[in-house]
Amino acid sequence: MSRRTVHQWKDWLLEYIGDDRYELINLHTRSVHTVVAKNAMEAENHCRQMMIKLKEEAV
């Protein structure tokens, strides 16, 4: 199954990898976070929350 880009932010990339699984990839650090969601919109919402949380932890 091929990967499909769902959304790209400035520093992040959200890709669909199959079976309701998505990967959130930080383009600078190359860190990868796996997200399970019913659809792309739900995955985007989870990822936005995750990005906010990771940004707060970094400060």
PDB file of N, CA and C in Angstrom:
ATOM      1  N   MET A   1       0.841  -1.179   0.000  1.00  0.00           N
ATOM      2  CA  MET A   1       0.000   0.000   0.000  1.00  0.00           C
ATOM      3  C   MET A   1       0.892   1.251   0.000  1.00  0.00           C
ATOM      4  N   SER A   2       0.532   2.209  -0.783  1.00  0.00           N
ATOM      5  CA  SER A   2       1.363   3.407  -0.904  1.00  0.00           C
ATOM      6  C   SER A   2       0.990   4.448   0.145  1.00  0.00           C
ATOM      7  N   ARG A   3       1.948   5.251   0.500  1.00  0.00           N
ATOM      8  CA  ARG A   3       1.732   6.343   1.446  1.00  0.00           C
ATOM      9  C   ARG A   3       1.104   7.508   0.696  1.00  0.00           C
ATOM     10  N   ARG A   4       0.279   8.257   1.417  1.00  0.00           N
ATOM     11  CA  ARG A   4      -0.382   9.404   0.797  1.00  0.00           C
ATOM     12  C   ARG A   4      -0.291  10.581   1.740  1.00  0.00           C
ATOM     13  N   THR A   5       0.178  11.715   1.249  1.00  0.00           N
ATOM     14  CA  THR A   5       0.264  12.921   2.066  1.00  0.00           C
ATOM     15  C   THR A   5      -1.131  13.482   2.272  1.00  0.00           C
ATOM     16  N   VAL A   6      -1.485  13.705   3.543  1.00  0.00           N
ATOM     17  CA  VAL A   6      -2.798  14.227   3.899  1.00  0.00           C
ATOM     18  C   VAL A   6      -2.729  15.732   4.106  1.00  0.00           C
ATOM     19  N   HIS A   7      -1.705  16.173   4.827  1.00  0.00           N
ATOM     20  CA  HIS A   7      -1.576  17.599   5.123  1.00  0.00           C
ATOM     21  C   HIS A   7      -0.106  17.911   5.389  1.00  0.00           C
ATOM     22  N   GLN A   8       0.286  19.128   5.048  1.00  0.00           N
ATOM     23  CA  GLN A   8       1.646  19.567   5.349  1.00  0.00           C
ATOM     24  C   GLN A   8       1.586  20.942   5.977  1.00  0.00           C
ATOM     25  N   TRP A   9       2.204  21.051   7.142  1.00  0.00           N
ATOM     26  CA  TRP A   9       2.376  22.323   7.806  1.00  0.00           C
ATOM     27  C   TRP A   9       3.805  22.772   7.532  1.00  0.00           C
ATOM     28  N   LYS A  10       4.210  23.881   8.112  1.00  0.00           N
ATOM     29  CA  LYS A  10       5.554  24.405   7.865  1.00  0.00           C
ATOM     30  C   LYS A  10       6.638  23.383   8.239  1.00  0.00           C
ATOM     31  N   ASP A  11       6.541  22.812   9.427  1.00  0.00           N
ATOM     32  CA  ASP A  11       7.576  21.908   9.936  1.00  0.00           C
ATOM     33  C   ASP A  11       7.115  20.461  10.059  1.00  0.00           C
ATOM     34  N   TRP A  12       5.886  20.169   9.681  1.00  0.00           N
ATOM     35  CA  TRP A  12       5.310  18.848   9.905  1.00  0.00           C
ATOM     36  C   TRP A  12       4.657  18.310   8.644  1.00  0.00           C
ATOM     37  N   LEU A  13       4.607  16.974   8.543  1.00  0.00           N
ATOM     38  CA  LEU A  13       3.970  16.301   7.427  1.00  0.00           C
ATOM     39  C   LEU A  13       3.097  15.182   7.991  1.00  0.00           C
ATOM     40  N   LEU A  14       1.852  15.128   7.553  1.00  0.00           N
ATOM     41  CA  LEU A  14       0.928  14.072   7.971  1.00  0.00           C
ATOM     42  C   LEU A  14       0.684  13.168   6.773  1.00  0.00           C
ATOM     43  N   GLU A  15       1.001  11.882   6.945  1.00  0.00           N
ATOM     44  CA  GLU A  15       0.838  10.919   5.859  1.00  0.00           C
ATOM     45  C   GLU A  15      -0.066   9.779   6.282  1.00  0.00           C
ATOM     46  N   TYR A  16      -0.918   9.338   5.359  1.00  0.00           N
ATOM     47  CA  TYR A  16      -1.743   8.148   5.568  1.00  0.00           C
ATOM     48  C   TYR A  16      -0.911   6.946   5.170  1.00  0.00           C
ATOM     49  N   ILE A  17      -0.821   5.956   6.077  1.00  0.00           N
ATOM     50  CA  ILE A  17       0.006   4.790   5.770  1.00  0.00           C
ATOM     51  C   ILE A  17      -0.822   3.508   5.635  1.00  0.00           C
ATOM     52  N   GLY A  18      -2.139   3.597   5.874  1.00  0.00           N
ATOM     53  CA  GLY A  18      -3.012   2.440   5.679  1.00  0.00           C
ATOM     54  C   GLY A  18      -3.649   1.957   6.962  1.00  0.00           C
ATOM     55  N   ASP A  19      -4.792   1.294   6.817  1.00  0.00           N
ATOM     56  CA  ASP A  19      -5.517   0.692   7.937  1.00  0.00           C
ATOM     57  C   ASP A  19      -5.796   1.689   9.062  1.00  0.00           C
ATOM     58  N   ASP A  20      -6.301   2.869   8.716  1.00  0.00           N
ATOM     59  CA  ASP A  20      -6.635   3.919   9.691  1.00  0.00           C
ATOM     60  C   ASP A  20      -5.424   4.384  10.493  1.00  0.00           C
ATOM     61  N   ARG A  21      -4.226   4.237   9.947  1.00  0.00           N
ATOM     62  CA  ARG A  21      -3.005   4.684  10.613  1.00  0.00           C
ATOM     63  C   ARG A  21      -2.386   5.824   9.826  1.00  0.00           C
ATOM     64  N   TYR A  22      -1.892   6.795  10.570  1.00  0.00           N
ATOM     65  CA  TYR A  22      -1.264   7.979   9.989  1.00  0.00           C
ATOM     66  C   TYR A  22       0.052   8.213  10.702  1.00  0.00           C
ATOM     67  N   GLU A  23       0.983   8.865  10.029  1.00  0.00           N
ATOM     68  CA  GLU A  23       2.250   9.244  10.643  1.00  0.00           C
ATOM     69  C   GLU A  23       2.418  10.749  10.586  1.00  0.00           C
ATOM     70  N   LEU A  24       2.765  11.318  11.714  1.00  0.00           N
ATOM     71  CA  LEU A  24       3.090  12.734  11.809  1.00  0.00           C
ATOM     72  C   LEU A  24       4.613  12.822  11.877  1.00  0.00           C
ATOM     73  N   ILE A  25       5.202  13.483  10.899  1.00  0.00           N
ATOM     74  CA  ILE A  25       6.662  13.523  10.775  1.00  0.00           C
ATOM     75  C   ILE A  25       7.141  14.961  10.924  1.00  0.00           C
ATOM     76  N   ASN A  26       8.094  15.166  11.837  1.00  0.00           N
ATOM     77  CA  ASN A  26       8.721  16.473  11.977  1.00  0.00           C
ATOM     78  C   ASN A  26       9.816  16.555  10.917  1.00  0.00           C
ATOM     79  N   LEU A  27       9.708  17.524  10.032  1.00  0.00           N
ATOM     80  CA  LEU A  27      10.638  17.611   8.904  1.00  0.00           C
ATOM     81  C   LEU A  27      12.046  18.030   9.308  1.00  0.00           C
ATOM     82  N   HIS A  28      12.192  18.674  10.474  1.00  0.00           N
ATOM     83  CA  HIS A  28      13.518  19.104  10.917  1.00  0.00           C
ATOM     84  C   HIS A  28      14.238  18.007  11.702  1.00  0.00           C
ATOM     85  N   THR A  29      13.548  17.410  12.649  1.00  0.00           N
ATOM     86  CA  THR A  29      14.181  16.400  13.502  1.00  0.00           C
ATOM     87  C   THR A  29      13.984  14.978  12.997  1.00  0.00           C
ATOM     88  N   ARG A  30      13.092  14.812  12.025  1.00  0.00           N
ATOM     89  CA  ARG A  30      12.752  13.502  11.465  1.00  0.00           C
ATOM     90  C   ARG A  30      12.115  12.575  12.495  1.00  0.00           C
ATOM     91  N   SER A  31      11.544  13.134  13.567  1.00  0.00           N
ATOM     92  CA  SER A  31      10.837  12.300  14.531  1.00  0.00           C
ATOM     93  C   SER A  31       9.484  11.914  13.940  1.00  0.00           C
ATOM     94  N   VAL A  32       9.022  10.702  14.268  1.00  0.00           N
ATOM     95  CA  VAL A  32       7.786  10.167  13.710  1.00  0.00           C
ATOM     96  C   VAL A  32       6.857   9.780  14.852  1.00  0.00           C
ATOM     97  N   HIS A  33       5.593  10.208  14.742  1.00  0.00           N
ATOM     98  CA  HIS A  33       4.555   9.869  15.716  1.00  0.00           C
ATOM     99  C   HIS A  33       3.419   9.202  14.955  1.00  0.00           C
ATOM    100  N   THR A  34       2.998   8.025  15.407  1.00  0.00           N
ATOM    101  CA  THR A  34       1.921   7.296  14.761  1.00  0.00           C
ATOM    102  C   THR A  34       0.593   7.665  15.406  1.00  0.00           C
ATOM    103  N   VAL A  35      -0.423   7.876  14.556  1.00  0.00           N
ATOM    104  CA  VAL A  35      -1.758   8.255  15.013  1.00  0.00           C
ATOM    105  C   VAL A  35      -2.753   7.279  14.399  1.00  0.00           C
ATOM    106  N   VAL A  36      -3.715   6.811  15.208  1.00  0.00           N
ATOM    107  CA  VAL A  36      -4.801   5.979  14.706  1.00  0.00           C
ATOM    108  C   VAL A  36      -6.054   6.834  14.699  1.00  0.00           C
ATOM    109  N   ALA A  37      -6.717   6.931  13.543  1.00  0.00           N
ATOM    110  CA  ALA A  37      -7.897   7.774  13.404  1.00  0.00           C
ATOM    111  C   ALA A  37      -8.840   7.172  12.365  1.00  0.00           C
ATOM    112  N   LYS A  38     -10.126   7.510  12.481  1.00  0.00           N
ATOM    113  CA  LYS A  38     -11.136   6.996  11.546  1.00  0.00           C
ATOM    114  C   LYS A  38     -10.994   7.592  10.155  1.00  0.00           C
ATOM    115  N   ASN A  39     -10.578   8.864  10.091  1.00  0.00           N
ATOM    116  CA  ASN A  39     -10.456   9.533   8.793  1.00  0.00           C
ATOM    117  C   ASN A  39      -9.389  10.623   8.889  1.00  0.00           C
ATOM    118  N   ALA A  40      -9.135  11.272   7.770  1.00  0.00           N
ATOM    119  CA  ALA A  40      -8.067  12.271   7.704  1.00  0.00           C
ATOM    120  C   ALA A  40      -8.350  13.481   8.593  1.00  0.00           C
ATOM    121  N   MET A  41      -9.612  13.885   8.688  1.00  0.00           N
ATOM    122  CA  MET A  41      -9.956  15.050   9.512  1.00  0.00           C
ATOM    123  C   MET A  41      -9.676  14.772  10.990  1.00  0.00           C
ATOM    124  N   GLU A  42     -10.030  13.602  11.449  1.00  0.00           N
ATOM    125  CA  GLU A  42      -9.752  13.231  12.836  1.00  0.00           C
ATOM    126  C   GLU A  42      -8.248  13.157  13.078  1.00  0.00           C
ATOM    127  N   ALA A  43      -7.509  12.631  12.122  1.00  0.00           N
ATOM    128  CA  ALA A  43      -6.051  12.548  12.245  1.00  0.00           C
ATOM    129  C   ALA A  43      -5.440  13.941  12.332  1.00  0.00           C
ATOM    130  N   GLU A  44      -5.926  14.872  11.504  1.00  0.00           N
ATOM    131  CA  GLU A  44      -5.423  16.250  11.554  1.00  0.00           C
ATOM    132  C   GLU A  44      -5.675  16.874  12.915  1.00  0.00           C
ATOM    133  N   ASN A  45      -6.861  16.668  13.465  1.00  0.00           N
ATOM    134  CA  ASN A  45      -7.190  17.229  14.783  1.00  0.00           C
ATOM    135  C   ASN A  45      -6.280  16.664  15.869  1.00  0.00           C
ATOM    136  N   HIS A  46      -6.054  15.346  15.848  1.00  0.00           N
ATOM    137  CA  HIS A  46      -5.148  14.728  16.827  1.00  0.00           C
ATOM    138  C   HIS A  46      -3.732  15.300  16.678  1.00  0.00           C
ATOM    139  N   CYS A  47      -3.306  15.463  15.445  1.00  0.00           N
ATOM    140  CA  CYS A  47      -1.948  15.944  15.188  1.00  0.00           C
ATOM    141  C   CYS A  47      -1.766  17.389  15.615  1.00  0.00           C
ATOM    142  N   ARG A  48      -2.771  18.219  15.395  1.00  0.00           N
ATOM    143  CA  ARG A  48      -2.682  19.611  15.844  1.00  0.00           C
ATOM    144  C   ARG A  48      -2.521  19.678  17.365  1.00  0.00           C
ATOM    145  N   GLN A  49      -3.291  18.862  18.076  1.00  0.00           N
ATOM    146  CA  GLN A  49      -3.174  18.816  19.535  1.00  0.00           C
ATOM    147  C   GLN A  49      -1.793  18.308  19.943  1.00  0.00           C
ATOM    148  N   MET A  50      -1.304  17.306  19.245  1.00  0.00           N
ATOM    149  CA  MET A  50       0.006  16.743  19.544  1.00  0.00           C
ATOM    150  C   MET A  50       1.109  17.770  19.295  1.00  0.00           C
ATOM    151  N   MET A  51       1.016  18.527  18.199  1.00  0.00           N
ATOM    152  CA  MET A  51       2.025  19.539  17.889  1.00  0.00           C
ATOM    153  C   MET A  51       2.046  20.630  18.955  1.00  0.00           C
ATOM    154  N   ILE A  52       0.875  21.039  19.429  1.00  0.00           N
ATOM    155  CA  ILE A  52       0.799  22.051  20.489  1.00  0.00           C
ATOM    156  C   ILE A  52       1.457  21.526  21.758  1.00  0.00           C
ATOM    157  N   LYS A  53       1.146  20.286  22.110  1.00  0.00           N
ATOM    158  CA  LYS A  53       1.708  19.690  23.320  1.00  0.00           C
ATOM    159  C   LYS A  53       3.231  19.555  23.215  1.00  0.00           C
ATOM    160  N   LEU A  54       3.728  19.113  22.073  1.00  0.00           N
ATOM    161  CA  LEU A  54       5.170  18.959  21.882  1.00  0.00           C
ATOM    162  C   LEU A  54       5.871  20.302  21.918  1.00  0.00           C
ATOM    163  N   LYS A  55       5.236  21.334  21.370  1.00  0.00           N
ATOM    164  CA  LYS A  55       5.820  22.671  21.391  1.00  0.00           C
ATOM    165  C   LYS A  55       5.905  23.193  22.818  1.00  0.00           C
ATOM    166  N   GLU A  56       4.865  22.950  23.631  1.00  0.00           N
ATOM    167  CA  GLU A  56       4.871  23.396  25.023  1.00  0.00           C
ATOM    168  C   GLU A  56       5.946  22.672  25.831  1.00  0.00           C
ATOM    169  N   GLU A  57       6.139  21.392  25.556  1.00  0.00           N
ATOM    170  CA  GLU A  57       7.151  20.615  26.265  1.00  0.00           C
ATOM    171  C   GLU A  57       8.562  21.085  25.924  1.00  0.00           C
ATOM    172  N   ALA A  58       8.755  21.578  24.726  1.00  0.00           N
ATOM    173  CA  ALA A  58      10.072  22.016  24.278  1.00  0.00           C
ATOM    174  C   ALA A  58      10.487  23.329  24.926  1.00  0.00           C
ATOM    175  N   VAL A  59       9.521  24.095  25.381  1.00  0.00           N
ATOM    176  CA  VAL A  59       9.831  25.406  25.956  1.00  0.00           C
ATOM    177  C   VAL A  59      10.251  25.295  27.381  1.00  0.00           C
TER     178      VAL A  59
END
